Protein backbone atom coordinates (compact mmCIF):
# COMPACT_ATOMS: atom_id res chain seq x y z
CA UNK A 1 84.93 -42.17 -15.03
CA UNK A 2 83.38 -38.99 -14.18
CA UNK A 3 81.23 -38.13 -11.41
CA UNK A 4 77.90 -37.70 -11.49
CA UNK A 5 76.47 -34.10 -10.86
CA UNK A 6 74.54 -34.15 -7.62
CA UNK A 7 70.75 -33.68 -7.71
CA UNK A 8 70.00 -30.49 -7.35
CA UNK A 9 68.20 -29.97 -3.74
CA UNK A 10 64.57 -28.91 -3.54
CA UNK A 11 64.24 -25.66 -2.13
CA UNK A 12 61.98 -25.95 0.62
CA UNK A 13 58.70 -23.29 0.23
CA UNK A 14 58.20 -21.22 3.49
CA UNK A 15 54.21 -21.63 3.34
CA UNK A 16 52.32 -18.32 2.68
CA UNK A 17 50.65 -16.31 5.16
CA UNK A 18 46.91 -16.54 5.53
CA UNK A 19 45.23 -13.46 5.07
CA UNK A 20 43.57 -11.83 7.76
CA UNK A 21 40.17 -12.80 8.27
CA UNK A 22 37.84 -9.79 7.22
CA UNK A 23 36.16 -8.82 10.03
CA UNK A 24 32.31 -10.29 10.01
CA UNK A 25 30.07 -7.41 9.45
CA UNK A 26 27.56 -7.55 12.46
CA UNK A 27 24.39 -9.19 11.89
CA UNK A 28 21.46 -8.54 14.05
CA UNK A 29 18.26 -10.37 13.98
CA UNK A 30 15.34 -9.12 15.54
CA UNK A 31 11.38 -8.76 14.87
CA UNK A 32 9.07 -6.51 15.88
CA UNK A 33 9.12 -5.07 19.35
CA UNK A 34 5.56 -6.19 21.48
CA UNK A 35 2.62 -4.48 20.89
CA UNK A 36 -0.35 -4.35 23.51
CA UNK A 37 -2.88 -4.25 20.41
CA UNK A 38 -1.70 -8.18 19.65
CA UNK A 39 -1.75 -9.87 22.55
CA UNK A 40 -2.04 -13.18 21.53
CA UNK A 41 0.32 -15.38 19.64
CA UNK A 42 -1.92 -15.32 16.19
CA UNK A 43 0.56 -12.45 15.16
CA UNK A 44 -1.72 -12.22 11.48
CA UNK A 45 -3.58 -8.96 12.81
CA UNK A 46 -0.62 -7.54 14.36
CA UNK A 47 1.33 -8.53 10.61
CA UNK A 48 -1.68 -7.04 8.39
CA UNK A 49 -1.80 -3.35 10.72
CA UNK A 50 2.19 -3.32 10.44
CA UNK A 51 2.16 -3.74 6.42
CA UNK A 52 -0.57 -1.27 6.29
CA UNK A 53 0.61 1.12 8.90
CA UNK A 54 4.34 1.41 6.57
CA UNK A 55 2.17 1.95 3.23
CA UNK A 56 0.27 4.35 4.92
CA UNK A 57 3.35 6.24 6.36
CA UNK A 58 4.78 6.15 3.15
CA UNK A 59 1.71 7.64 1.46
CA UNK A 60 2.03 10.66 4.12
CA UNK A 61 5.92 11.18 4.35
CA UNK A 62 6.57 10.68 0.84
CA UNK A 63 8.09 7.60 -0.95
CA UNK A 64 11.64 8.14 0.38
CA UNK A 65 10.92 8.95 4.10
CA UNK A 66 13.01 6.79 6.62
CA UNK A 67 11.15 7.16 9.79
CA UNK A 68 8.66 4.34 7.74
CA UNK A 69 11.39 2.28 7.39
CA UNK A 70 10.67 1.03 10.73
CA UNK A 71 7.46 -0.17 10.09
CA UNK A 72 8.92 -2.20 6.76
CA UNK A 73 11.18 -3.50 9.12
CA UNK A 74 8.43 -4.72 11.44
CA UNK A 75 5.92 -6.21 8.78
CA UNK A 76 9.02 -8.13 6.95
CA UNK A 77 10.17 -9.87 9.93
CA UNK A 78 5.99 -11.01 10.62
CA UNK A 79 4.34 -11.74 7.43
CA UNK A 80 4.95 -14.62 5.74
CA UNK A 81 6.44 -13.52 2.12
CA UNK A 82 3.16 -15.22 -0.04
CA UNK A 83 1.00 -12.62 1.99
CA UNK A 84 3.47 -9.54 0.84
CA UNK A 85 3.61 -10.44 -2.26
CA UNK A 86 0.04 -10.64 -2.63
CA UNK A 87 -0.98 -7.59 -1.00
CA UNK A 88 1.75 -6.07 -3.44
CA UNK A 89 0.18 -7.11 -6.19
CA UNK A 90 -3.17 -6.10 -4.74
CA UNK A 91 -2.10 -2.32 -4.06
CA UNK A 92 -0.53 -2.39 -7.73
CA UNK A 93 -4.42 -3.21 -9.06
CA UNK A 94 -5.88 -1.22 -7.20
CA UNK A 95 -7.74 -4.03 -5.14
CA UNK A 96 -5.75 -3.81 -1.76
CA UNK A 97 -8.23 -3.48 0.73
CA UNK A 98 -6.40 -1.68 3.61
CA UNK A 99 -7.31 2.11 4.71
CA UNK A 100 -4.24 4.38 4.17
């Protein structure tokens, strides 16, 4: 009687090397610097002023003025989103009380 053929050996697969982790983009979280005009904890006026300064800067320097971006960064870190959305709507409707 012929001998049964041996089972083919399973080849052990080498684990594939893990891809190199991509360098994580450095994220820097910061808020507006201290402003002596607004020393109290309540930063509502500070928020309002920075928002107004941003739009004043854009009106004076032009829509693409990079020097205005610091004000945008400040108001975005200080102001609640709901306020900014409301103020943006008021500016679009011509009812914004801010001066710039």
